[in-house]
N, C-alpha and C. Protein backbone atom coordinates (compact mmCIF):
# COMPACT_ATOMS: atom_id res chain seq x y z
N UNK A 1 160.73 76.06 123.24
CA UNK A 1 160.23 77.31 122.71
C UNK A 1 158.74 77.18 122.39
N UNK A 2 158.37 76.10 121.79
CA UNK A 2 156.96 75.88 121.43
C UNK A 2 156.09 75.82 122.68
N UNK A 3 156.63 75.26 123.73
CA UNK A 3 155.91 75.15 125.03
C UNK A 3 155.68 76.56 125.62
N UNK A 4 156.67 77.46 125.48
CA UNK A 4 156.55 78.82 125.99
C UNK A 4 155.42 79.56 125.28
N UNK A 5 155.31 79.43 123.98
CA UNK A 5 154.24 80.09 123.22
C UNK A 5 152.91 79.52 123.65
N UNK A 6 152.85 78.24 123.85
CA UNK A 6 151.59 77.60 124.26
C UNK A 6 151.17 78.12 125.64
N UNK A 7 152.10 78.23 126.57
CA UNK A 7 151.79 78.73 127.91
C UNK A 7 151.34 80.21 127.86
N UNK A 8 151.97 80.98 127.02
CA UNK A 8 151.59 82.39 126.84
C UNK A 8 150.19 82.48 126.30
N UNK A 9 149.86 81.60 125.32
CA UNK A 9 148.51 81.64 124.75
C UNK A 9 147.48 81.22 125.79
N UNK A 10 147.81 80.25 126.60
CA UNK A 10 146.87 79.79 127.65
C UNK A 10 146.62 80.93 128.65
N UNK A 11 147.68 81.60 129.08
CA UNK A 11 147.52 82.71 130.01
C UNK A 11 146.70 83.84 129.40
N UNK A 12 146.97 84.16 128.12
CA UNK A 12 146.23 85.22 127.46
C UNK A 12 144.74 84.82 127.32
N UNK A 13 144.48 83.59 126.98
CA UNK A 13 143.09 83.14 126.87
C UNK A 13 142.38 83.22 128.19
N UNK A 14 143.04 82.85 129.26
CA UNK A 14 142.45 82.91 130.63
C UNK A 14 142.14 84.37 130.98
N UNK A 15 143.08 85.28 130.64
CA UNK A 15 142.88 86.68 130.93
C UNK A 15 141.69 87.26 130.14
N UNK A 16 141.62 86.88 128.84
CA UNK A 16 140.53 87.36 128.02
C UNK A 16 139.18 86.79 128.47
N UNK A 17 139.14 85.54 128.92
CA UNK A 17 137.89 84.98 129.46
C UNK A 17 137.42 85.73 130.68
N UNK A 18 138.39 86.05 131.55
CA UNK A 18 138.07 86.80 132.80
C UNK A 18 137.50 88.18 132.39
N UNK A 19 138.16 88.81 131.46
CA UNK A 19 137.70 90.17 131.01
C UNK A 19 136.33 90.08 130.42
N UNK A 20 136.06 89.05 129.60
CA UNK A 20 134.74 88.88 128.97
C UNK A 20 133.66 88.69 130.02
N UNK A 21 133.97 87.86 131.07
CA UNK A 21 133.03 87.66 132.15
C UNK A 21 132.69 88.97 132.89
N UNK A 22 133.70 89.82 133.11
CA UNK A 22 133.48 91.10 133.76
C UNK A 22 132.59 92.01 132.88
N UNK A 23 132.86 92.01 131.61
CA UNK A 23 132.08 92.84 130.68
C UNK A 23 130.61 92.36 130.60
N UNK A 24 130.43 91.03 130.60
CA UNK A 24 129.08 90.48 130.58
C UNK A 24 128.31 90.82 131.88
N UNK A 25 129.02 90.76 132.99
CA UNK A 25 128.40 91.12 134.27
C UNK A 25 128.00 92.60 134.31
N UNK A 26 128.89 93.46 133.77
CA UNK A 26 128.61 94.88 133.71
C UNK A 26 127.37 95.16 132.84
N UNK A 27 127.31 94.48 131.70
CA UNK A 27 126.17 94.63 130.81
C UNK A 27 124.88 94.15 131.49
N UNK A 28 124.95 93.03 132.17
CA UNK A 28 123.79 92.51 132.89
C UNK A 28 123.32 93.48 133.96
N UNK A 29 124.25 94.05 134.75
CA UNK A 29 123.85 95.03 135.77
C UNK A 29 123.25 96.29 135.17
N UNK A 30 123.79 96.73 134.01
CA UNK A 30 123.28 97.93 133.35
C UNK A 30 121.79 97.70 133.00
N UNK A 31 121.47 96.57 132.39
CA UNK A 31 120.10 96.33 131.97
C UNK A 31 119.20 96.05 133.18
N UNK A 32 119.78 95.43 134.20
CA UNK A 32 118.96 95.20 135.42
C UNK A 32 118.56 96.54 136.06
N UNK A 33 119.50 97.48 136.13
CA UNK A 33 119.19 98.81 136.69
C UNK A 33 118.21 99.54 135.79
N UNK A 34 118.38 99.49 134.52
CA UNK A 34 117.46 100.17 133.61
C UNK A 34 116.06 99.62 133.64
N UNK A 35 115.91 98.35 133.98
CA UNK A 35 114.59 97.73 134.04
C UNK A 35 113.76 98.38 135.15
N UNK A 36 114.41 98.95 136.16
CA UNK A 36 113.71 99.61 137.26
C UNK A 36 113.24 101.01 136.91
N UNK A 37 113.69 101.55 135.83
CA UNK A 37 113.27 102.88 135.35
C UNK A 37 112.81 102.71 133.93
N UNK A 38 111.52 102.44 133.72
CA UNK A 38 110.99 102.08 132.37
C UNK A 38 111.26 103.13 131.34
N UNK A 39 111.24 104.43 131.62
CA UNK A 39 111.39 105.39 130.54
C UNK A 39 112.82 105.44 130.04
N UNK A 40 113.79 104.87 130.76
CA UNK A 40 115.15 104.80 130.22
C UNK A 40 115.25 103.80 129.11
N UNK A 41 114.51 102.70 129.22
CA UNK A 41 114.54 101.72 128.15
C UNK A 41 113.58 102.06 127.02
N UNK A 42 112.44 102.72 127.35
CA UNK A 42 111.46 103.07 126.33
C UNK A 42 111.67 104.46 125.77
N UNK A 43 112.48 105.25 126.44
CA UNK A 43 112.69 106.64 126.02
C UNK A 43 111.56 107.53 126.64
N UNK A 44 111.92 108.76 126.93
CA UNK A 44 110.95 109.69 127.49
C UNK A 44 110.13 110.25 126.32
N UNK A 45 108.94 109.78 126.17
CA UNK A 45 108.09 110.22 125.09
C UNK A 45 106.96 111.15 125.63
N UNK A 46 107.20 111.72 126.81
CA UNK A 46 106.20 112.53 127.48
C UNK A 46 104.88 111.78 127.60
N UNK A 47 104.98 110.52 127.94
CA UNK A 47 103.80 109.69 128.00
C UNK A 47 103.03 109.97 129.30
N UNK A 48 101.79 109.52 129.33
CA UNK A 48 100.94 109.68 130.49
C UNK A 48 101.60 108.98 131.69
N UNK A 49 102.19 107.81 131.43
CA UNK A 49 102.85 107.07 132.52
C UNK A 49 104.01 107.90 133.12
N UNK A 50 104.83 108.47 132.26
CA UNK A 50 105.98 109.25 132.75
C UNK A 50 105.52 110.39 133.63
N UNK A 51 104.51 111.12 133.19
CA UNK A 51 104.02 112.26 133.95
C UNK A 51 103.38 111.81 135.27
N UNK A 52 102.65 110.69 135.23
CA UNK A 52 102.04 110.20 136.48
C UNK A 52 103.14 109.78 137.48
N UNK A 53 104.17 109.15 136.99
CA UNK A 53 105.30 108.73 137.84
C UNK A 53 105.99 109.96 138.45
N UNK A 54 106.26 110.96 137.60
CA UNK A 54 106.95 112.16 138.10
C UNK A 54 106.09 112.88 139.09
N UNK A 55 104.78 112.97 138.86
CA UNK A 55 103.86 113.65 139.76
C UNK A 55 103.81 112.93 141.09
N UNK A 56 103.75 111.60 141.05
CA UNK A 56 103.73 110.81 142.31
C UNK A 56 105.03 111.02 143.08
N UNK A 57 106.15 111.04 142.40
CA UNK A 57 107.43 111.24 143.01
C UNK A 57 107.50 112.64 143.67
N UNK A 58 106.95 113.63 142.98
CA UNK A 58 106.93 115.00 143.53
C UNK A 58 106.10 115.05 144.80
N UNK A 59 104.97 114.32 144.79
CA UNK A 59 104.10 114.30 146.00
C UNK A 59 104.84 113.67 147.19
N UNK A 60 105.55 112.61 146.93
CA UNK A 60 106.28 111.91 147.99
C UNK A 60 107.37 112.82 148.56
N UNK A 61 108.05 113.59 147.70
CA UNK A 61 109.15 114.44 148.15
C UNK A 61 108.68 115.81 148.64
N UNK A 62 107.42 116.14 148.55
CA UNK A 62 106.90 117.45 148.93
C UNK A 62 106.92 117.64 150.42
N UNK A 63 107.41 118.78 150.88
CA UNK A 63 107.40 119.13 152.31
C UNK A 63 106.10 119.84 152.59
N UNK A 64 105.24 119.25 153.44
CA UNK A 64 103.93 119.79 153.70
C UNK A 64 103.94 120.87 154.77
N UNK A 65 104.79 120.72 155.77
CA UNK A 65 104.87 121.72 156.82
C UNK A 65 106.27 121.79 157.35
N UNK A 66 106.59 122.96 157.88
CA UNK A 66 107.91 123.20 158.44
C UNK A 66 107.75 123.81 159.82
N UNK A 67 108.56 123.37 160.75
CA UNK A 67 108.46 123.93 162.11
C UNK A 67 109.50 125.03 162.26
N UNK A 68 109.03 126.25 162.52
CA UNK A 68 109.88 127.40 162.81
C UNK A 68 109.40 128.02 164.09
N UNK A 69 109.47 127.30 165.19
CA UNK A 69 108.88 127.76 166.40
C UNK A 69 107.42 127.40 166.48
N UNK A 70 106.76 127.38 165.34
CA UNK A 70 105.38 126.96 165.20
C UNK A 70 105.27 126.30 163.83
N UNK A 71 104.24 125.50 163.62
CA UNK A 71 104.09 124.78 162.36
C UNK A 71 103.62 125.74 161.27
N UNK A 72 104.34 125.80 160.19
CA UNK A 72 104.00 126.66 159.06
C UNK A 72 103.53 125.78 157.93
N UNK A 73 102.25 125.93 157.54
CA UNK A 73 101.70 125.15 156.44
C UNK A 73 101.33 126.05 155.27
N UNK A 74 101.83 127.26 155.26
CA UNK A 74 101.52 128.22 154.20
C UNK A 74 101.92 127.69 152.80
N UNK A 75 101.15 128.10 151.82
CA UNK A 75 101.40 127.62 150.45
C UNK A 75 102.48 128.38 149.74
N UNK A 76 102.89 129.54 150.25
CA UNK A 76 103.90 130.37 149.59
C UNK A 76 105.29 129.76 149.64
N UNK A 77 106.13 130.14 148.73
CA UNK A 77 107.49 129.67 148.76
C UNK A 77 108.26 130.44 149.80
N UNK A 78 109.12 129.74 150.51
CA UNK A 78 109.93 130.36 151.55
C UNK A 78 111.40 130.09 151.22
N UNK A 79 112.23 131.00 151.63
CA UNK A 79 113.66 130.81 151.46
C UNK A 79 114.25 130.45 152.80
N UNK A 80 115.04 129.40 152.86
CA UNK A 80 115.67 128.95 154.10
C UNK A 80 117.15 129.17 154.02
N UNK A 81 117.71 129.68 155.11
CA UNK A 81 119.16 129.93 155.16
C UNK A 81 119.88 128.77 155.80
């Protein structure tokens, strides 16, 4: 009987260690991902850096011209279907 309890405790300890390792890995990945986005760790304080980053991102994602039979570079907003 005593041996059964001991085996159960060993199995439970092994399971808990495995679970702890998974949680530690998840926490590590969370902070690793957040390190790539500084304002998530520092908070969005409407800082100069945040606005510069957002503006640069907007420039990269901006569509400068669209081909509709001919190149359209007009500044007005257009609706696409």
